Amino acid sequence: VGIRVSDRARSVAFYERLGFREEIDLPAHHANEMATADGVRINLILNG
């Protein structure tokens, strides 16, 4: 699921506290991919 955020560092830190880890940076798409150890994935859309 894509979640638009306004502050990359703050949002990555927040989702890391919930067990997600950044796996892929997609600068051309202003996004990243984060996943839990069990493979649940989110994309942070970094242009909010």
All heavy atoms as atom14 arrays in JSON, in Angstrom:
{
  "sequence": "VGIRVSDRARSVAFYERLGFREEIDLPAHHANEMATADGVRINLILNG",
  "atom14_mask": [
    [1, 1, 1, 1, 1, 1, 1, 0, 0, 0, 0, 0, 0, 0],
    [1, 1, 1, 1, 0, 0, 0, 0, 0, 0, 0, 0, 0, 0],
    [1, 1, 1, 1, 1, 1, 1, 1, 0, 0, 0, 0, 0, 0],
    [1, 1, 1, 1, 1, 1, 1, 1, 1, 1, 1, 0, 0, 0],
    [1, 1, 1, 1, 1, 1, 1, 0, 0, 0, 0, 0, 0, 0],
    [1, 1, 1, 1, 1, 1, 0, 0, 0, 0, 0, 0, 0, 0],
    [1, 1, 1, 1, 1, 1, 1, 1, 0, 0, 0, 0, 0, 0],
    [1, 1, 1, 1, 1, 1, 1, 1, 1, 1, 1, 0, 0, 0],
    [1, 1, 1, 1, 1, 0, 0, 0, 0, 0, 0, 0, 0, 0],
    [1, 1, 1, 1, 1, 1, 1, 1, 1, 1, 1, 0, 0, 0],
    [1, 1, 1, 1, 1, 1, 0, 0, 0, 0, 0, 0, 0, 0],
    [1, 1, 1, 1, 1, 1, 1, 0, 0, 0, 0, 0, 0, 0],
    [1, 1, 1, 1, 1, 0, 0, 0, 0, 0, 0, 0, 0, 0],
    [1, 1, 1, 1, 1, 1, 1, 1, 1, 1, 1, 0, 0, 0],
    [1, 1, 1, 1, 1, 1, 1, 1, 1, 1, 1, 1, 0, 0],
    [1, 1, 1, 1, 1, 1, 1, 1, 1, 0, 0, 0, 0, 0],
    [1, 1, 1, 1, 1, 1, 1, 1, 1, 1, 1, 0, 0, 0],
    [1, 1, 1, 1, 1, 1, 1, 1, 0, 0, 0, 0, 0, 0],
    [1, 1, 1, 1, 0, 0, 0, 0, 0, 0, 0, 0, 0, 0],
    [1, 1, 1, 1, 1, 1, 1, 1, 1, 1, 1, 0, 0, 0],
    [1, 1, 1, 1, 1, 1, 1, 1, 1, 1, 1, 0, 0, 0],
    [1, 1, 1, 1, 1, 1, 1, 1, 1, 0, 0, 0, 0, 0],
    [1, 1, 1, 1, 1, 1, 1, 1, 1, 0, 0, 0, 0, 0],
    [1, 1, 1, 1, 1, 1, 1, 1, 0, 0, 0, 0, 0, 0],
    [1, 1, 1, 1, 1, 1, 1, 1, 0, 0, 0, 0, 0, 0],
    [1, 1, 1, 1, 1, 1, 1, 1, 0, 0, 0, 0, 0, 0],
    [1, 1, 1, 1, 1, 1, 1, 0, 0, 0, 0, 0, 0, 0],
    [1, 1, 1, 1, 1, 0, 0, 0, 0, 0, 0, 0, 0, 0],
    [1, 1, 1, 1, 1, 1, 1, 1, 1, 1, 0, 0, 0, 0],
    [1, 1, 1, 1, 1, 1, 1, 1, 1, 1, 0, 0, 0, 0],
    [1, 1, 1, 1, 1, 0, 0, 0, 0, 0, 0, 0, 0, 0],
    [1, 1, 1, 1, 1, 1, 1, 1, 0, 0, 0, 0, 0, 0],
    [1, 1, 1, 1, 1, 1, 1, 1, 1, 0, 0, 0, 0, 0],
    [1, 1, 1, 1, 1, 1, 1, 1, 0, 0, 0, 0, 0, 0],
    [1, 1, 1, 1, 1, 0, 0, 0, 0, 0, 0, 0, 0, 0],
    [1, 1, 1, 1, 1, 1, 1, 0, 0, 0, 0, 0, 0, 0],
    [1, 1, 1, 1, 1, 0, 0, 0, 0, 0, 0, 0, 0, 0],
    [1, 1, 1, 1, 1, 1, 1, 1, 0, 0, 0, 0, 0, 0],
    [1, 1, 1, 1, 0, 0, 0, 0, 0, 0, 0, 0, 0, 0],
    [1, 1, 1, 1, 1, 1, 1, 0, 0, 0, 0, 0, 0, 0],
    [1, 1, 1, 1, 1, 1, 1, 1, 1, 1, 1, 0, 0, 0],
    [1, 1, 1, 1, 1, 1, 1, 1, 0, 0, 0, 0, 0, 0],
    [1, 1, 1, 1, 1, 1, 1, 1, 0, 0, 0, 0, 0, 0],
    [1, 1, 1, 1, 1, 1, 1, 1, 0, 0, 0, 0, 0, 0],
    [1, 1, 1, 1, 1, 1, 1, 1, 0, 0, 0, 0, 0, 0],
    [1, 1, 1, 1, 1, 1, 1, 1, 0, 0, 0, 0, 0, 0],
    [1, 1, 1, 1, 1, 1, 1, 1, 0, 0, 0, 0, 0, 0],
    [1, 1, 1, 1, 0, 0, 0, 0, 0, 0, 0, 0, 0, 0]
  ],
  "atom14_positions": [
    [[0.87, -1.16, 0.0], [0.0, 0.0, 0.0], [0.91, 1.22, 0.0], [1.97, 1.21, 0.63], [-0.97, 0.0, 1.2], [-0.23, 0.05, 2.52], [-1.99, 1.11, 1.1], [0.0, 0.0, 0.0], [0.0, 0.0, 0.0], [0.0, 0.0, 0.0], [0.0, 0.0, 0.0], [0.0, 0.0, 0.0], [0.0, 0.0, 0.0], [0.0, 0.0, 0.0]],
    [[0.54, 2.25, -0.75], [1.31, 3.49, -0.79], [0.75, 4.48, 0.21], [-0.46, 4.71, 0.24], [0.0, 0.0, 0.0], [0.0, 0.0, 0.0], [0.0, 0.0, 0.0], [0.0, 0.0, 0.0], [0.0, 0.0, 0.0], [0.0, 0.0, 0.0], [0.0, 0.0, 0.0], [0.0, 0.0, 0.0], [0.0, 0.0, 0.0], [0.0, 0.0, 0.0]],
    [[1.62, 5.06, 1.0], [1.23, 6.04, 2.01], [2.0, 7.32, 1.75], [3.22, 7.36, 1.88], [1.53, 5.5, 3.43], [0.8, 4.17, 3.66], [1.13, 6.55, 4.48], [1.23, 3.45, 4.94], [0.0, 0.0, 0.0], [0.0, 0.0, 0.0], [0.0, 0.0, 0.0], [0.0, 0.0, 0.0], [0.0, 0.0, 0.0], [0.0, 0.0, 0.0]],
    [[1.3, 8.38, 1.35], [1.96, 9.65, 1.08], [2.34, 10.32, 2.4], [1.51, 10.4, 3.31], [1.06, 10.57, 0.25], [1.72, 11.9, -0.06], [1.0, 12.66, -1.17], [1.4, 12.09, -2.45], [0.55, 11.57, -3.33], [-0.73, 11.55, -3.09], [1.0, 11.08, -4.46], [0.0, 0.0, 0.0], [0.0, 0.0, 0.0], [0.0, 0.0, 0.0]],
    [[3.59, 10.77, 2.49], [4.11, 11.39, 3.71], [4.76, 12.73, 3.36], [5.16, 12.97, 2.22], [5.1, 10.46, 4.44], [4.43, 9.15, 4.81], [6.35, 10.21, 3.61], [0.0, 0.0, 0.0], [0.0, 0.0, 0.0], [0.0, 0.0, 0.0], [0.0, 0.0, 0.0], [0.0, 0.0, 0.0], [0.0, 0.0, 0.0], [0.0, 0.0, 0.0]],
    [[4.9, 13.58, 4.38], [5.46, 14.92, 4.14], [6.92, 15.04, 4.58], [7.6, 15.98, 4.17], [4.62, 15.97, 4.86], [4.68, 15.78, 6.26], [0.0, 0.0, 0.0], [0.0, 0.0, 0.0], [0.0, 0.0, 0.0], [0.0, 0.0, 0.0], [0.0, 0.0, 0.0], [0.0, 0.0, 0.0], [0.0, 0.0, 0.0], [0.0, 0.0, 0.0]],
    [[7.4, 14.13, 5.4], [8.77, 14.22, 5.91], [9.37, 12.83, 5.93], [9.02, 12.0, 6.77], [8.75, 14.83, 7.31], [10.12, 15.04, 7.91], [10.94, 14.09, 7.89], [10.38, 16.13, 8.44], [0.0, 0.0, 0.0], [0.0, 0.0, 0.0], [0.0, 0.0, 0.0], [0.0, 0.0, 0.0], [0.0, 0.0, 0.0], [0.0, 0.0, 0.0]],
    [[10.27, 12.58, 4.99], [10.83, 11.24, 4.83], [11.47, 10.72, 6.11], [11.14, 9.62, 6.56], [11.87, 11.24, 3.71], [12.52, 9.88, 3.51], [13.73, 9.92, 2.59], [14.19, 8.58, 2.37], [14.23, 7.98, 1.2], [13.82, 8.61, 0.12], [14.66, 6.75, 1.1], [0.0, 0.0, 0.0], [0.0, 0.0, 0.0], [0.0, 0.0, 0.0]],
    [[12.39, 11.46, 6.69], [13.12, 10.98, 7.87], [12.17, 10.67, 9.02], [12.27, 9.62, 9.66], [14.18, 11.99, 8.29], [0.0, 0.0, 0.0], [0.0, 0.0, 0.0], [0.0, 0.0, 0.0], [0.0, 0.0, 0.0], [0.0, 0.0, 0.0], [0.0, 0.0, 0.0], [0.0, 0.0, 0.0], [0.0, 0.0, 0.0], [0.0, 0.0, 0.0]],
    [[11.24, 11.56, 9.28], [10.28, 11.36, 10.37], [9.41, 10.14, 10.12], [9.18, 9.32, 11.03], [9.41, 12.62, 10.52], [8.35, 12.51, 11.6], [7.52, 13.76, 11.66], [6.7, 13.88, 10.45], [5.78, 14.8, 10.26], [5.56, 15.71, 11.18], [5.08, 14.83, 9.15], [0.0, 0.0, 0.0], [0.0, 0.0, 0.0], [0.0, 0.0, 0.0]],
    [[8.95, 9.96, 8.89], [8.06, 8.85, 8.58], [8.81, 7.52, 8.57], [8.3, 6.52, 9.1], [7.37, 9.08, 7.24], [6.52, 10.21, 7.34], [0.0, 0.0, 0.0], [0.0, 0.0, 0.0], [0.0, 0.0, 0.0], [0.0, 0.0, 0.0], [0.0, 0.0, 0.0], [0.0, 0.0, 0.0], [0.0, 0.0, 0.0], [0.0, 0.0, 0.0]],
    [[10.0, 7.47, 8.0], [10.78, 6.24, 8.03], [11.04, 5.84, 9.47], [10.86, 4.68, 9.86], [12.1, 6.39, 7.23], [13.06, 5.25, 7.53], [11.8, 6.46, 5.73], [0.0, 0.0, 0.0], [0.0, 0.0, 0.0], [0.0, 0.0, 0.0], [0.0, 0.0, 0.0], [0.0, 0.0, 0.0], [0.0, 0.0, 0.0], [0.0, 0.0, 0.0]],
    [[11.42, 6.79, 10.32], [11.67, 6.49, 11.73], [10.41, 5.96, 12.42], [10.47, 5.0, 13.2], [12.2, 7.73, 12.45], [0.0, 0.0, 0.0], [0.0, 0.0, 0.0], [0.0, 0.0, 0.0], [0.0, 0.0, 0.0], [0.0, 0.0, 0.0], [0.0, 0.0, 0.0], [0.0, 0.0, 0.0], [0.0, 0.0, 0.0], [0.0, 0.0, 0.0]],
    [[9.25, 6.56, 12.12], [8.0, 6.11, 12.72], [7.68, 4.67, 12.32], [7.39, 3.82, 13.17], [6.85, 7.03, 12.3], [5.51, 6.58, 12.78], [5.08, 6.88, 14.06], [4.66, 5.84, 11.96], [3.84, 6.45, 14.51], [3.43, 5.41, 12.41], [3.01, 5.71, 13.69], [0.0, 0.0, 0.0], [0.0, 0.0, 0.0], [0.0, 0.0, 0.0]],
    [[7.73, 4.38, 11.02], [7.4, 3.03, 10.56], [8.44, 2.0, 11.01], [8.09, 0.84, 11.24], [7.15, 3.02, 9.05], [5.79, 3.6, 8.72], [5.64, 4.94, 8.36], [4.64, 2.83, 8.84], [4.39, 5.48, 8.1], [3.39, 3.36, 8.58], [3.26, 4.69, 8.22], [2.01, 5.21, 7.98], [0.0, 0.0, 0.0], [0.0, 0.0, 0.0]],
    [[9.67, 2.42, 11.18], [10.67, 1.51, 11.75], [10.3, 1.13, 13.17], [10.5, -0.02, 13.58], [12.07, 2.15, 11.71], [12.67, 2.14, 10.32], [14.02, 2.82, 10.25], [14.36, 3.62, 11.16], [14.74, 2.56, 9.27], [0.0, 0.0, 0.0], [0.0, 0.0, 0.0], [0.0, 0.0, 0.0], [0.0, 0.0, 0.0], [0.0, 0.0, 0.0]],
    [[9.75, 2.04, 13.92], [9.3, 1.74, 15.3], [8.2, 0.68, 15.3], [8.02, -0.03, 16.29], [8.83, 3.02, 15.98], [9.98, 3.98, 16.25], [9.55, 5.4, 16.52], [8.67, 5.54, 17.66], [7.87, 6.6, 17.84], [7.84, 7.59, 16.97], [7.11, 6.67, 18.91], [0.0, 0.0, 0.0], [0.0, 0.0, 0.0], [0.0, 0.0, 0.0]],
    [[7.49, 0.54, 14.19], [6.43, -0.47, 14.06], [6.94, -1.77, 13.43], [6.16, -2.69, 13.19], [5.27, 0.08, 13.22], [4.54, 1.28, 13.82], [3.5, 1.8, 12.85], [3.9, 0.93, 15.17], [0.0, 0.0, 0.0], [0.0, 0.0, 0.0], [0.0, 0.0, 0.0], [0.0, 0.0, 0.0], [0.0, 0.0, 0.0], [0.0, 0.0, 0.0]],
    [[8.24, -1.84, 13.15], [8.81, -3.08, 12.64], [9.09, -3.11, 11.15], [9.5, -4.15, 10.62], [0.0, 0.0, 0.0], [0.0, 0.0, 0.0], [0.0, 0.0, 0.0], [0.0, 0.0, 0.0], [0.0, 0.0, 0.0], [0.0, 0.0, 0.0], [0.0, 0.0, 0.0], [0.0, 0.0, 0.0], [0.0, 0.0, 0.0], [0.0, 0.0, 0.0]],
    [[8.87, -2.01, 10.44], [9.18, -1.95, 9.02], [10.64, -1.52, 8.85], [11.17, -0.78, 9.66], [8.27, -0.94, 8.31], [6.85, -1.4, 8.19], [5.94, -1.15, 9.2], [6.42, -2.09, 7.06], [4.63, -1.58, 9.1], [5.11, -2.51, 6.95], [4.21, -2.26, 7.97], [0.0, 0.0, 0.0], [0.0, 0.0, 0.0], [0.0, 0.0, 0.0]],
    [[11.26, -1.98, 7.78], [12.63, -1.59, 7.43], [12.65, -1.16, 5.98], [12.07, -1.82, 5.12], [13.62, -2.75, 7.63], [13.78, -3.19, 9.06], [14.47, -2.13, 9.91], [14.45, -2.46, 11.32], [13.61, -1.93, 12.22], [12.72, -1.04, 11.86], [13.69, -2.27, 13.49], [0.0, 0.0, 0.0], [0.0, 0.0, 0.0], [0.0, 0.0, 0.0]],
    [[13.38, -0.07, 5.71], [13.5, 0.4, 4.33], [14.38, -0.58, 3.56], [15.49, -0.88, 3.97], [14.11, 1.8, 4.3], [14.12, 2.4, 2.92], [14.55, 3.85, 2.93], [15.68, 4.14, 3.38], [13.76, 4.69, 2.48], [0.0, 0.0, 0.0], [0.0, 0.0, 0.0], [0.0, 0.0, 0.0], [0.0, 0.0, 0.0], [0.0, 0.0, 0.0]],
    [[13.85, -1.09, 2.44], [14.58, -2.04, 1.62], [15.04, -1.44, 0.29], [16.09, -1.8, -0.22], [13.72, -3.27, 1.33], [13.47, -4.13, 2.53], [12.76, -5.43, 2.18], [12.15, -5.53, 1.1], [12.84, -6.35, 3.01], [0.0, 0.0, 0.0], [0.0, 0.0, 0.0], [0.0, 0.0, 0.0], [0.0, 0.0, 0.0], [0.0, 0.0, 0.0]],
    [[14.21, -0.58, -0.29], [14.51, -0.04, -1.61], [14.18, 1.45, -1.62], [13.14, 1.87, -1.15], [13.67, -0.76, -2.7], [13.97, -2.26, -2.72], [13.93, -0.15, -4.08], [13.04, -3.05, -3.61], [0.0, 0.0, 0.0], [0.0, 0.0, 0.0], [0.0, 0.0, 0.0], [0.0, 0.0, 0.0], [0.0, 0.0, 0.0], [0.0, 0.0, 0.0]],
    [[15.1, 2.23, -2.18], [14.87, 3.65, -2.4], [14.52, 3.83, -3.87], [15.19, 3.25, -4.75], [16.14, 4.43, -2.04], [15.93, 5.92, -2.1], [14.78, 6.39, -2.01], [16.95, 6.64, -2.24], [0.0, 0.0, 0.0], [0.0, 0.0, 0.0], [0.0, 0.0, 0.0], [0.0, 0.0, 0.0], [0.0, 0.0, 0.0], [0.0, 0.0, 0.0]],
    [[13.48, 4.57, -4.15], [13.02, 4.8, -5.53], [12.99, 6.3, -5.81], [11.91, 6.9, -5.95], [11.63, 4.18, -5.73], [11.54, 2.67, -5.47], [10.1, 2.24, -5.29], [12.21, 1.92, -6.61], [0.0, 0.0, 0.0], [0.0, 0.0, 0.0], [0.0, 0.0, 0.0], [0.0, 0.0, 0.0], [0.0, 0.0, 0.0], [0.0, 0.0, 0.0]],
    [[14.14, 6.96, -5.87], [14.16, 8.42, -5.99], [13.44, 8.94, -7.23], [12.83, 10.01, -7.17], [15.65, 8.76, -6.0], [16.38, 7.51, -6.27], [15.49, 6.38, -5.84], [0.0, 0.0, 0.0], [0.0, 0.0, 0.0], [0.0, 0.0, 0.0], [0.0, 0.0, 0.0], [0.0, 0.0, 0.0], [0.0, 0.0, 0.0], [0.0, 0.0, 0.0]],
    [[13.5, 8.24, -8.34], [12.82, 8.71, -9.55], [11.3, 8.74, -9.36], [10.6, 9.46, -10.07], [13.18, 7.81, -10.74], [0.0, 0.0, 0.0], [0.0, 0.0, 0.0], [0.0, 0.0, 0.0], [0.0, 0.0, 0.0], [0.0, 0.0, 0.0], [0.0, 0.0, 0.0], [0.0, 0.0, 0.0], [0.0, 0.0, 0.0], [0.0, 0.0, 0.0]],
    [[10.8, 7.97, -8.38], [9.36, 7.91, -8.11], [8.99, 8.61, -6.81], [7.84, 8.52, -6.36], [8.91, 6.44, -8.06], [9.16, 5.72, -9.33], [8.36, 5.86, -10.44], [10.14, 4.86, -9.68], [8.82, 5.11, -11.42], [9.92, 4.49, -10.99], [0.0, 0.0, 0.0], [0.0, 0.0, 0.0], [0.0, 0.0, 0.0], [0.0, 0.0, 0.0]],
    [[9.96, 9.25, -6.17], [9.74, 9.92, -4.88], [9.1, 8.95, -3.89], [8.09, 9.26, -3.25], [8.86, 11.16, -5.04], [9.37, 12.13, -6.05], [10.46, 12.95, -5.82], [8.99, 12.38, -7.33], [10.7, 13.67, -6.88], [9.83, 13.34, -7.82], [0.0, 0.0, 0.0], [0.0, 0.0, 0.0], [0.0, 0.0, 0.0], [0.0, 0.0, 0.0]],
    [[9.69, 7.76, -3.8], [9.11, 6.71, -2.96], [10.21, 5.8, -2.42], [11.36, 5.86, -2.85], [8.11, 5.89, -3.78], [0.0, 0.0, 0.0], [0.0, 0.0, 0.0], [0.0, 0.0, 0.0], [0.0, 0.0, 0.0], [0.0, 0.0, 0.0], [0.0, 0.0, 0.0], [0.0, 0.0, 0.0], [0.0, 0.0, 0.0], [0.0, 0.0, 0.0]],
    [[9.82, 4.98, -1.48], [10.67, 3.89, -1.03], [9.8, 2.66, -0.84], [8.59, 2.72, -0.99], [11.4, 4.25, 0.28], [10.5, 4.21, 1.5], [9.31, 3.93, 1.43], [11.08, 4.49, 2.66], [0.0, 0.0, 0.0], [0.0, 0.0, 0.0], [0.0, 0.0, 0.0], [0.0, 0.0, 0.0], [0.0, 0.0, 0.0], [0.0, 0.0, 0.0]],
    [[10.44, 1.54, -0.54], [9.72, 0.33, -0.16], [10.23, -0.08, 1.22], [11.43, -0.11, 1.46], [9.96, -0.8, -1.16], [9.31, -0.55, -2.49], [9.38, -1.75, -3.44], [9.8, -2.85, -3.03], [9.0, -1.57, -4.6], [0.0, 0.0, 0.0], [0.0, 0.0, 0.0], [0.0, 0.0, 0.0], [0.0, 0.0, 0.0], [0.0, 0.0, 0.0]],
    [[9.28, -0.36, 2.09], [9.6, -0.83, 3.44], [8.87, -2.14, 3.66], [7.78, -2.36, 3.1], [9.17, 0.2, 4.49], [9.86, 1.55, 4.32], [9.47, 2.72, 5.64], [10.51, 2.09, 6.97], [0.0, 0.0, 0.0], [0.0, 0.0, 0.0], [0.0, 0.0, 0.0], [0.0, 0.0, 0.0], [0.0, 0.0, 0.0], [0.0, 0.0, 0.0]],
    [[9.45, -3.03, 4.48], [8.84, -4.33, 4.73], [9.1, -4.76, 6.16], [10.1, -4.37, 6.78], [9.37, -5.37, 3.76], [0.0, 0.0, 0.0], [0.0, 0.0, 0.0], [0.0, 0.0, 0.0], [0.0, 0.0, 0.0], [0.0, 0.0, 0.0], [0.0, 0.0, 0.0], [0.0, 0.0, 0.0], [0.0, 0.0, 0.0], [0.0, 0.0, 0.0]],
    [[8.19, -5.58, 6.68], [8.41, -6.22, 7.97], [9.2, -7.5, 7.76], [9.36, -7.96, 6.63], [7.07, -6.58, 8.65], [6.42, -7.6, 7.87], [6.16, -5.36, 8.81], [0.0, 0.0, 0.0], [0.0, 0.0, 0.0], [0.0, 0.0, 0.0], [0.0, 0.0, 0.0], [0.0, 0.0, 0.0], [0.0, 0.0, 0.0], [0.0, 0.0, 0.0]],
    [[9.65, -8.1, 8.84], [10.37, -9.37, 8.76], [9.52, -10.45, 8.11], [10.04, -11.39, 7.51], [10.83, -9.8, 10.15], [0.0, 0.0, 0.0], [0.0, 0.0, 0.0], [0.0, 0.0, 0.0], [0.0, 0.0, 0.0], [0.0, 0.0, 0.0], [0.0, 0.0, 0.0], [0.0, 0.0, 0.0], [0.0, 0.0, 0.0], [0.0, 0.0, 0.0]],
    [[8.18, -10.33, 8.2], [7.28, -11.32, 7.61], [6.86, -10.97, 6.19], [6.01, -11.64, 5.61], [6.03, -11.47, 8.49], [6.35, -12.16, 9.8], [6.95, -13.25, 9.77], [6.02, -11.59, 10.87], [0.0, 0.0, 0.0], [0.0, 0.0, 0.0], [0.0, 0.0, 0.0], [0.0, 0.0, 0.0], [0.0, 0.0, 0.0], [0.0, 0.0, 0.0]],
    [[7.44, -9.89, 5.63], [7.18, -9.57, 4.24], [5.97, -8.7, 3.96], [5.54, -8.59, 2.81], [0.0, 0.0, 0.0], [0.0, 0.0, 0.0], [0.0, 0.0, 0.0], [0.0, 0.0, 0.0], [0.0, 0.0, 0.0], [0.0, 0.0, 0.0], [0.0, 0.0, 0.0], [0.0, 0.0, 0.0], [0.0, 0.0, 0.0], [0.0, 0.0, 0.0]],
    [[5.4, -8.06, 4.97], [4.31, -7.11, 4.75], [4.95, -5.81, 4.27], [5.87, -5.29, 4.91], [3.49, -6.88, 6.04], [2.44, -5.81, 5.82], [2.85, -8.18, 6.49], [0.0, 0.0, 0.0], [0.0, 0.0, 0.0], [0.0, 0.0, 0.0], [0.0, 0.0, 0.0], [0.0, 0.0, 0.0], [0.0, 0.0, 0.0], [0.0, 0.0, 0.0]],
    [[4.48, -5.31, 3.12], [5.15, -4.19, 2.47], [4.28, -2.93, 2.42], [3.06, -3.01, 2.27], [5.5, -4.56, 1.03], [6.49, -5.68, 0.94], [6.9, -5.94, -0.51], [8.05, -6.82, -0.51], [9.3, -6.43, -0.28], [9.56, -5.18, -0.05], [10.28, -7.3, -0.28], [0.0, 0.0, 0.0], [0.0, 0.0, 0.0], [0.0, 0.0, 0.0]],
    [[4.98, -1.82, 2.54], [4.37, -0.51, 2.3], [5.34, 0.28, 1.42], [6.53, -0.01, 1.39], [4.07, 0.28, 3.59], [5.35, 0.54, 4.39], [3.02, -0.44, 4.43], [5.15, 1.45, 5.61], [0.0, 0.0, 0.0], [0.0, 0.0, 0.0], [0.0, 0.0, 0.0], [0.0, 0.0, 0.0], [0.0, 0.0, 0.0], [0.0, 0.0, 0.0]],
    [[4.82, 1.23, 0.69], [5.63, 2.23, 0.01], [5.33, 3.55, 0.67], [4.15, 3.89, 0.85], [5.28, 2.35, -1.47], [5.81, 1.23, -2.31], [6.24, 0.2, -1.82], [5.76, 1.42, -3.6], [0.0, 0.0, 0.0], [0.0, 0.0, 0.0], [0.0, 0.0, 0.0], [0.0, 0.0, 0.0], [0.0, 0.0, 0.0], [0.0, 0.0, 0.0]],
    [[6.36, 4.28, 1.03], [6.15, 5.67, 1.45], [6.33, 6.52, 0.21], [7.34, 6.42, -0.49], [7.13, 6.07, 2.54], [7.03, 5.31, 3.85], [8.0, 5.9, 4.88], [5.61, 5.29, 4.39], [0.0, 0.0, 0.0], [0.0, 0.0, 0.0], [0.0, 0.0, 0.0], [0.0, 0.0, 0.0], [0.0, 0.0, 0.0], [0.0, 0.0, 0.0]],
    [[5.32, 7.33, -0.09], [5.36, 8.26, -1.21], [5.84, 9.58, -0.61], [5.17, 10.16, 0.25], [3.99, 8.41, -1.88], [3.36, 7.03, -2.17], [4.09, 9.27, -3.14], [4.2, 6.09, -3.0], [0.0, 0.0, 0.0], [0.0, 0.0, 0.0], [0.0, 0.0, 0.0], [0.0, 0.0, 0.0], [0.0, 0.0, 0.0], [0.0, 0.0, 0.0]],
    [[6.99, 10.04, -1.04], [7.76, 11.06, -0.33], [7.57, 12.47, -0.87], [8.48, 13.27, -0.86], [9.24, 10.66, -0.37], [9.53, 9.24, 0.12], [10.94, 8.82, -0.25], [9.29, 9.12, 1.61], [0.0, 0.0, 0.0], [0.0, 0.0, 0.0], [0.0, 0.0, 0.0], [0.0, 0.0, 0.0], [0.0, 0.0, 0.0], [0.0, 0.0, 0.0]],
    [[6.35, 12.78, -1.32], [6.12, 14.11, -1.91], [4.9, 14.81, -1.31], [4.32, 15.69, -1.93], [5.99, 14.0, -3.43], [4.82, 13.13, -3.86], [4.06, 12.63, -3.04], [4.68, 12.95, -5.16], [0.0, 0.0, 0.0], [0.0, 0.0, 0.0], [0.0, 0.0, 0.0], [0.0, 0.0, 0.0], [0.0, 0.0, 0.0], [0.0, 0.0, 0.0]],
    [[4.53, 14.44, -0.09], [3.36, 15.05, 0.53], [3.65, 16.44, 1.08], [4.78, 16.79, 1.38], [0.0, 0.0, 0.0], [0.0, 0.0, 0.0], [0.0, 0.0, 0.0], [0.0, 0.0, 0.0], [0.0, 0.0, 0.0], [0.0, 0.0, 0.0], [0.0, 0.0, 0.0], [0.0, 0.0, 0.0], [0.0, 0.0, 0.0], [0.0, 0.0, 0.0]]
  ]
}
